[in-house]
N, C-alpha and C. Protein backbone atom coordinates (compact mmCIF):
# COMPACT_ATOMS: atom_id res chain seq x y z
N MET A 1 82.08 228.33 163.58
CA MET A 1 81.92 227.40 163.37
C MET A 1 82.14 226.93 165.24
N SER A 2 81.08 226.22 165.98
CA SER A 2 81.35 225.91 167.07
C SER A 2 81.83 224.45 167.23
N ARG A 3 82.51 224.43 168.34
CA ARG A 3 83.46 222.66 168.46
C ARG A 3 82.26 221.65 168.97
N GLY A 4 81.34 222.29 169.49
CA GLY A 4 80.28 221.77 170.16
C GLY A 4 78.98 220.50 169.30
N LYS A 5 78.67 221.43 167.94
CA LYS A 5 77.94 220.88 166.67
C LYS A 5 78.94 219.45 166.18
N ALA A 6 77.88 218.28 166.28
CA ALA A 6 78.58 217.27 165.12
C ALA A 6 78.17 217.43 163.82
N ILE A 7 78.93 217.39 162.75
CA ILE A 7 78.57 216.76 161.61
C ILE A 7 77.92 215.65 160.92
N SER A 8 76.67 215.97 160.90
CA SER A 8 75.97 214.79 160.02
C SER A 8 76.28 214.60 159.00
N VAL A 9 76.35 213.35 158.35
CA VAL A 9 77.00 213.21 156.68
C VAL A 9 76.73 211.84 156.44
N LYS A 10 75.92 211.80 155.26
CA LYS A 10 75.94 210.59 154.94
C LYS A 10 76.43 209.98 153.97
N ILE A 11 77.50 209.19 153.42
CA ILE A 11 78.29 209.14 152.08
C ILE A 11 77.67 207.55 151.57
N ALA A 12 78.11 207.64 150.21
CA ALA A 12 77.44 206.28 149.57
C ALA A 12 78.39 205.34 150.20
N THR A 13 77.86 203.95 150.29
CA THR A 13 79.13 203.08 150.86
C THR A 13 79.87 202.72 149.85
N PRO A 14 79.28 202.34 148.62
CA PRO A 14 80.21 202.13 147.42
C PRO A 14 81.67 203.01 147.07
N LYS A 15 81.61 204.34 147.56
CA LYS A 15 82.60 205.41 147.54
C LYS A 15 83.48 205.05 148.71
N VAL A 16 82.77 204.77 149.69
CA VAL A 16 83.59 204.00 151.04
C VAL A 16 84.46 202.73 150.83
N ILE A 17 83.75 201.90 150.36
CA ILE A 17 84.83 200.67 149.78
C ILE A 17 85.34 201.19 149.07
N LYS A 18 85.32 202.00 147.85
CA LYS A 18 86.32 202.08 146.77
C LYS A 18 87.79 202.76 147.41
N ALA A 19 87.46 203.61 148.19
CA ALA A 19 88.28 204.82 148.98
C ALA A 19 89.27 204.14 149.79
N LEU A 20 88.43 202.70 150.64
CA LEU A 20 89.06 201.69 151.45
C LEU A 20 90.13 200.90 150.93
N GLU A 21 89.70 200.26 149.50
CA GLU A 21 90.59 199.44 148.92
C GLU A 21 91.60 200.29 148.28
N GLY A 22 91.56 201.53 147.39
CA GLY A 22 92.54 202.12 147.40
C GLY A 22 93.79 202.46 148.57
N ALA A 23 93.03 202.88 149.93
CA ALA A 23 94.30 203.00 150.83
C ALA A 23 94.79 201.19 151.18
N LEU A 24 94.12 200.40 150.89
CA LEU A 24 95.01 199.22 151.23
C LEU A 24 95.94 198.73 150.11
N ALA A 25 95.50 199.30 148.73
CA ALA A 25 96.65 198.88 148.09
C ALA A 25 97.73 199.84 148.15
N LYS A 26 97.19 201.04 148.76
CA LYS A 26 98.71 202.11 148.72
C LYS A 26 99.28 201.54 150.07
N LEU A 27 98.99 201.16 151.01
CA LEU A 27 99.42 200.32 152.40
C LEU A 27 100.22 198.98 151.87
N GLU A 28 99.58 198.48 151.09
CA GLU A 28 100.52 197.04 150.51
C GLU A 28 101.84 197.70 149.75
N LEU A 29 101.57 198.63 148.84
CA LEU A 29 102.73 199.22 147.91
C LEU A 29 103.67 199.80 148.81
N ASP A 30 103.34 200.65 150.25
CA ASP A 30 104.14 201.03 150.85
C ASP A 30 105.12 200.11 152.08
N TRP A 31 104.49 199.13 151.93
CA TRP A 31 104.87 197.69 152.63
C TRP A 31 106.06 197.20 151.76
N THR A 32 105.78 197.30 150.45
CA THR A 32 106.87 196.30 149.79
C THR A 32 107.68 197.00 149.08
N SER A 33 107.30 198.29 148.97
CA SER A 33 108.80 199.06 148.88
C SER A 33 109.36 199.86 149.73
N GLN A 34 109.09 199.56 150.92
CA GLN A 34 109.63 200.21 152.35
C GLN A 34 111.61 199.95 152.08
N GLU A 35 111.63 198.61 151.76
CA GLU A 35 112.94 197.81 152.19
C GLU A 35 113.82 198.76 150.93
N ALA A 36 113.12 198.92 149.89
CA ALA A 36 114.12 199.62 148.91
C ALA A 36 114.33 201.10 149.13
N ASN A 37 113.33 201.87 149.53
CA ASN A 37 113.15 202.98 150.06
C ASN A 37 114.08 203.36 151.13
N GLU A 38 114.23 202.48 152.14
CA GLU A 38 115.24 202.47 153.32
C GLU A 38 116.67 202.26 152.76
N ALA A 39 116.63 201.56 151.81
CA ALA A 39 118.07 201.24 151.41
C ALA A 39 118.59 202.50 150.67
N LYS A 40 117.78 203.39 149.87
CA LYS A 40 117.93 204.26 149.19
C LYS A 40 118.43 205.63 149.87
N TYR A 41 117.73 205.61 151.31
CA TYR A 41 117.68 206.51 152.24
C TYR A 41 118.79 206.21 152.83
N GLU A 42 119.49 205.16 153.24
CA GLU A 42 120.74 204.67 153.98
C GLU A 42 122.06 205.11 153.34
N LYS A 43 121.71 205.25 151.88
CA LYS A 43 122.54 205.49 150.68
C LYS A 43 123.08 207.10 150.79
N ALA A 44 121.86 207.71 150.64
CA ALA A 44 122.25 208.77 151.00
C ALA A 44 122.51 209.46 152.10
N LYS A 45 122.23 208.98 153.63
CA LYS A 45 122.70 209.39 154.86
C LYS A 45 124.17 209.19 154.61
N GLU A 46 124.66 208.05 153.83
CA GLU A 46 126.23 207.74 154.00
C GLU A 46 126.88 208.71 153.39
N VAL A 47 126.43 209.16 152.13
CA VAL A 47 127.01 210.03 151.59
C VAL A 47 127.13 211.59 152.46
N TRP A 48 125.87 211.98 152.87
CA TRP A 48 125.84 213.04 154.00
C TRP A 48 126.88 213.11 154.93
N ARG A 49 127.16 211.73 155.01
CA ARG A 49 128.25 211.63 156.67
C ARG A 49 129.45 212.16 156.22
N LYS A 50 129.58 211.56 154.97
CA LYS A 50 131.01 211.98 154.22
C LYS A 50 131.10 213.22 153.58
N GLN A 51 130.12 213.77 153.52
CA GLN A 51 129.95 215.38 153.29
C GLN A 51 130.55 216.10 154.55
N ILE A 52 129.81 215.79 155.51
CA ILE A 52 129.35 216.73 156.95
C ILE A 52 130.97 216.09 157.63
N GLN A 53 131.68 215.15 157.28
CA GLN A 53 133.29 214.89 157.79
C GLN A 53 134.59 216.04 157.22
N ALA A 54 134.00 216.08 155.84
CA ALA A 54 134.87 216.52 154.58
C ALA A 54 134.39 218.29 155.46
N PHE A 55 133.38 218.39 155.60
CA PHE A 55 133.16 219.98 156.07
C PHE A 55 133.84 220.48 157.17
N ALA A 56 133.52 219.06 158.26
CA ALA A 56 133.78 219.78 160.07
C ALA A 56 135.97 219.50 159.57
N ILE A 57 136.35 218.50 158.54
CA ILE A 57 138.24 218.69 158.46
C ILE A 57 138.34 220.00 157.90
N GLU A 58 137.47 220.56 156.77
CA GLU A 58 137.79 221.80 155.98
C GLU A 58 137.41 223.12 156.95
N ASN A 59 136.99 222.95 158.50
CA ASN A 59 136.55 224.06 158.94
C ASN A 59 137.20 223.80 160.69
N ILE A 60 138.23 222.88 160.72
CA ILE A 60 138.48 222.86 162.00
C ILE A 60 139.61 223.97 162.38
N LYS A 61 139.81 224.55 161.81
CA LYS A 61 140.43 226.12 162.46
C LYS A 61 139.55 226.98 163.33
N LYS A 62 138.37 226.66 162.86
CA LYS A 62 137.52 227.37 163.45
C LYS A 62 137.10 227.00 164.62
N ALA A 63 137.51 225.53 164.99
CA ALA A 63 136.62 225.02 166.06
C ALA A 63 136.67 225.54 167.13
N THR A 64 135.83 225.50 168.17
CA THR A 64 136.14 226.05 169.68
C THR A 64 135.59 225.08 170.39
N ASN A 65 135.81 224.93 171.70
CA ASN A 65 135.55 223.90 173.05
C ASN A 65 135.55 222.54 172.41
N PHE A 66 137.19 222.89 172.05
CA PHE A 66 138.02 221.37 171.65
C PHE A 66 138.12 220.49 172.76
N ARG A 67 137.65 219.32 172.90
CA ARG A 67 137.45 218.23 173.83
C ARG A 67 138.07 216.69 173.43
N THR A 68 138.91 216.45 174.08
CA THR A 68 139.72 215.25 173.79
C THR A 68 139.74 213.93 174.95
N SER A 69 139.43 212.81 174.30
CA SER A 69 138.97 211.04 175.31
C SER A 69 140.14 210.73 174.75
N TYR A 70 141.12 210.10 175.48
CA TYR A 70 141.37 208.48 174.86
C TYR A 70 141.53 207.61 175.77
N ARG A 71 141.07 206.62 175.12
CA ARG A 71 140.44 205.42 175.79
C ARG A 71 141.74 204.57 176.00
N SER A 72 142.11 204.03 176.40
CA SER A 72 143.30 203.14 176.59
C SER A 72 142.69 201.64 176.41
N TYR A 73 141.74 201.32 176.91
CA TYR A 73 140.68 200.06 176.64
C TYR A 73 141.26 199.48 175.40
N ASN A 74 140.67 200.23 173.93
CA ASN A 74 140.70 199.65 172.94
C ASN A 74 141.68 200.57 172.07
N ASN A 75 142.42 201.76 172.66
CA ASN A 75 143.17 202.29 171.99
C ASN A 75 142.92 203.48 170.90
N THR A 76 141.41 204.06 171.43
CA THR A 76 140.64 204.96 170.62
C THR A 76 141.17 206.46 171.14
N LEU A 77 140.78 207.08 170.35
CA LEU A 77 141.51 208.85 170.82
C LEU A 77 139.67 209.42 169.90
N ASN A 78 139.30 209.97 170.95
CA ASN A 78 137.76 210.80 170.81
C ASN A 78 138.36 212.17 170.50
N ILE A 79 138.17 212.81 169.67
CA ILE A 79 138.48 214.34 169.37
C ILE A 79 136.72 214.92 169.20
N ASP A 80 136.19 215.68 169.77
CA ASP A 80 134.82 216.48 170.00
C ASP A 80 135.24 218.40 169.68
N TYR A 81 134.64 218.90 168.96
CA TYR A 81 134.76 220.41 168.70
C TYR A 81 133.63 220.97 168.25
N ASP A 82 133.36 221.99 168.78
CA ASP A 82 132.19 222.90 168.23
C ASP A 82 132.40 223.59 166.44
N ILE A 83 131.92 223.73 165.98
CA ILE A 83 132.31 224.60 164.61
C ILE A 83 130.88 225.51 164.44
N VAL A 84 131.46 226.63 164.72
CA VAL A 84 130.09 227.85 164.18
C VAL A 84 129.61 228.16 163.06
N VAL A 85 128.79 227.64 162.28
CA VAL A 85 128.57 227.69 161.09
C VAL A 85 128.00 228.86 160.75
N ALA A 86 128.82 229.94 160.07
CA ALA A 86 128.05 231.37 159.42
C ALA A 86 126.92 230.96 158.82
N ASN A 87 127.06 230.58 157.72
CA ASN A 87 126.07 230.14 156.77
C ASN A 87 125.33 229.29 156.49
N GLU A 88 123.85 228.82 156.93
CA GLU A 88 123.82 227.45 157.11
C GLU A 88 123.65 226.75 155.74
N LYS A 89 123.48 227.48 154.18
CA LYS A 89 123.63 226.93 153.16
C LYS A 89 125.05 226.36 152.85
N ASP A 90 126.42 226.61 153.52
CA ASP A 90 127.66 226.20 153.55
C ASP A 90 127.58 224.96 154.21
N MET A 91 126.88 224.20 155.19
CA MET A 91 126.90 222.88 155.43
C MET A 91 126.17 222.24 154.59
N PRO A 92 126.21 220.97 154.34
CA PRO A 92 125.77 219.91 153.57
C PRO A 92 124.30 219.74 154.20
N SER A 93 123.31 219.61 153.47
CA SER A 93 121.75 219.31 154.30
C SER A 93 121.81 217.71 154.44
N GLU A 94 121.05 217.57 155.77
CA GLU A 94 121.04 216.13 155.89
C GLU A 94 119.69 215.27 155.39
N PRO A 95 120.14 214.42 154.57
CA PRO A 95 118.73 213.82 153.79
C PRO A 95 117.68 213.65 154.87
N GLU A 96 116.24 213.38 154.52
CA GLU A 96 115.25 213.52 155.34
C GLU A 96 114.44 212.00 154.44
N ARG A 97 114.23 211.41 155.41
CA ARG A 97 113.38 210.07 154.76
C ARG A 97 111.79 210.55 154.06
N GLU A 98 111.44 210.21 152.94
CA GLU A 98 110.64 210.77 151.72
C GLU A 98 109.23 210.14 151.91
N PHE A 99 109.36 209.11 152.93
CA PHE A 99 108.21 207.91 153.16
C PHE A 99 108.42 207.53 154.81
N GLU A 100 107.13 207.31 154.72
CA GLU A 100 106.88 206.84 156.56
C GLU A 100 107.20 205.73 156.82
N LEU A 101 108.18 205.20 157.84
CA LEU A 101 108.67 204.00 158.45
C LEU A 101 107.44 203.26 158.63
N LEU A 102 107.24 201.95 158.48
CA LEU A 102 106.04 201.49 158.88
C LEU A 102 106.54 200.13 159.54
N HIS A 103 106.38 200.00 160.82
CA HIS A 103 106.78 198.42 161.52
C HIS A 103 105.79 197.73 161.29
N ALA A 104 106.38 196.02 161.41
CA ALA A 104 105.62 194.69 161.04
C ALA A 104 104.22 194.96 161.46
N HIS A 105 104.44 195.49 163.01
CA HIS A 105 103.29 194.87 163.78
C HIS A 105 102.20 196.16 163.10
N GLU A 106 102.56 197.36 162.52
CA GLU A 106 101.63 198.51 162.81
C GLU A 106 101.06 197.89 161.09
N TYR A 107 101.71 197.29 160.08
CA TYR A 107 101.22 196.98 159.19
C TYR A 107 100.14 196.29 159.17
N ARG A 108 100.52 194.88 159.82
CA ARG A 108 99.66 193.73 159.92
C ARG A 108 97.94 194.43 160.38
N THR A 109 98.38 195.37 161.16
CA THR A 109 97.05 195.54 162.26
C THR A 109 96.03 196.74 161.37
N GLN A 110 96.83 197.93 160.67
CA GLN A 110 96.07 198.51 159.49
C GLN A 110 95.80 197.51 158.56
N LYS A 111 96.29 196.49 157.90
CA LYS A 111 95.59 195.88 156.85
C LYS A 111 94.53 194.65 157.28
N GLU A 112 94.28 194.68 158.83
CA GLU A 112 93.32 193.56 159.20
C GLU A 112 92.24 194.13 159.21
N GLU A 113 92.23 195.57 159.81
CA GLU A 113 91.48 196.53 160.35
C GLU A 113 90.73 197.31 158.86
N ILE A 114 91.59 197.31 157.65
CA ILE A 114 91.45 197.98 156.50
C ILE A 114 90.25 196.85 156.24
N ALA A 115 90.90 195.55 155.89
CA ALA A 115 90.21 194.51 155.25
C ALA A 115 89.04 194.12 156.02
N ASN A 116 88.91 193.73 157.46
CA ASN A 116 87.65 194.00 157.81
C ASN A 116 86.88 195.00 157.55
N ALA A 117 87.05 195.78 157.65
CA ALA A 117 85.62 197.30 157.26
C ALA A 117 85.44 197.20 155.81
N ILE A 118 86.10 196.78 154.96
CA ILE A 118 85.90 196.21 153.15
C ILE A 118 85.06 195.36 153.48
N ARG A 119 85.14 194.08 154.29
CA ARG A 119 84.39 192.87 154.31
C ARG A 119 82.93 193.94 154.85
N ILE A 120 83.01 194.29 156.10
CA ILE A 120 81.51 194.65 156.39
C ILE A 120 80.83 195.48 155.62
N LEU A 121 81.54 196.83 155.18
CA LEU A 121 80.52 197.12 154.15
C LEU A 121 80.48 196.69 153.09
N LYS A 122 81.18 195.37 152.88
CA LYS A 122 80.39 194.78 151.27
C LYS A 122 79.28 194.31 151.59
N MET A 123 79.26 193.78 153.09
CA MET A 123 78.04 192.62 153.39
C MET A 123 76.71 193.67 153.52
N THR A 124 76.76 195.19 154.04
CA THR A 124 75.62 195.79 154.41
C THR A 124 74.90 196.22 152.87
N ASP A 125 73.31 196.22 153.42
CA ASP A 125 72.41 196.36 152.49
C ASP A 125 72.26 197.90 152.22
N GLU A 126 72.84 198.80 153.17
CA GLU A 126 72.05 200.31 153.60
C GLU A 126 73.41 200.98 152.45
N GLU A 127 72.48 202.14 151.99
CA GLU A 127 73.43 202.84 150.64
C GLU A 127 74.20 203.75 151.27
N VAL A 128 74.53 204.37 152.03
CA VAL A 128 74.86 205.01 152.91
C VAL A 128 75.97 204.80 154.33
N VAL A 129 76.91 205.07 154.57
CA VAL A 129 77.49 205.20 155.55
C VAL A 129 77.27 206.13 156.61
N ASN A 130 77.18 206.15 157.80
CA ASN A 130 76.26 206.99 158.29
C ASN A 130 77.75 207.63 159.03
N THR A 131 78.02 208.91 159.33
CA THR A 131 79.10 209.42 159.95
C THR A 131 80.09 208.82 161.10
N SER A 132 79.17 208.07 162.30
CA SER A 132 79.96 207.06 163.34
C SER A 132 80.90 206.10 162.37
N THR A 133 80.18 205.72 161.25
CA THR A 133 80.78 204.06 161.22
C THR A 133 82.02 205.34 159.84
N TYR A 134 81.97 206.12 159.45
CA TYR A 134 82.85 206.84 158.65
C TYR A 134 84.04 207.26 159.28
N ASN A 135 84.03 207.67 160.84
CA ASN A 135 84.57 208.49 161.36
C ASN A 135 85.43 206.79 161.81
N ALA A 136 85.59 205.95 162.36
CA ALA A 136 85.83 204.92 162.41
C ALA A 136 86.80 204.14 160.93
N VAL A 137 86.66 204.29 160.18
CA VAL A 137 87.62 203.84 158.95
C VAL A 137 88.33 205.35 158.84
N ALA A 138 88.03 206.34 158.75
CA ALA A 138 88.63 207.61 158.54
C ALA A 138 89.86 207.96 158.31
N ARG A 139 90.43 207.37 159.24
CA ARG A 139 91.67 207.44 159.67
C ARG A 139 92.66 206.52 159.01
N TYR A 140 92.04 205.81 158.23
CA TYR A 140 92.91 205.15 157.10
C TYR A 140 92.88 205.47 155.09
N LEU A 141 91.63 206.86 155.49
CA LEU A 141 91.60 207.11 154.09
C LEU A 141 92.52 208.21 153.58
């Protein structure tokens, strides 16, 4: 298929409205559950930090490139070293966010754009949505 050819498709307006309403509901759910998801992620991250510390202490005899730095202004000793990990499976795996972090301004913008698209599509008498209109809202679907 050549990249120069445009796709011309007509999609039923009620289907697009329903899909946008679903996207708006998902956005609302993601936003309301984000705080709980982030707290769960931070708790898992703290557990991982403790596991990585224990791993580093257990393997300190394998340390190479040992560096120290004493800070007299706050009486702290920084110790930095490298450990060659023979098998990556031996090392605790870092948790990953299983959700997309959504900032307040992104949430407000997306919510407003989706709601506006729904309102406009509900006012139309057209039975189908043309490709250019669909392309304008497709990123939310």
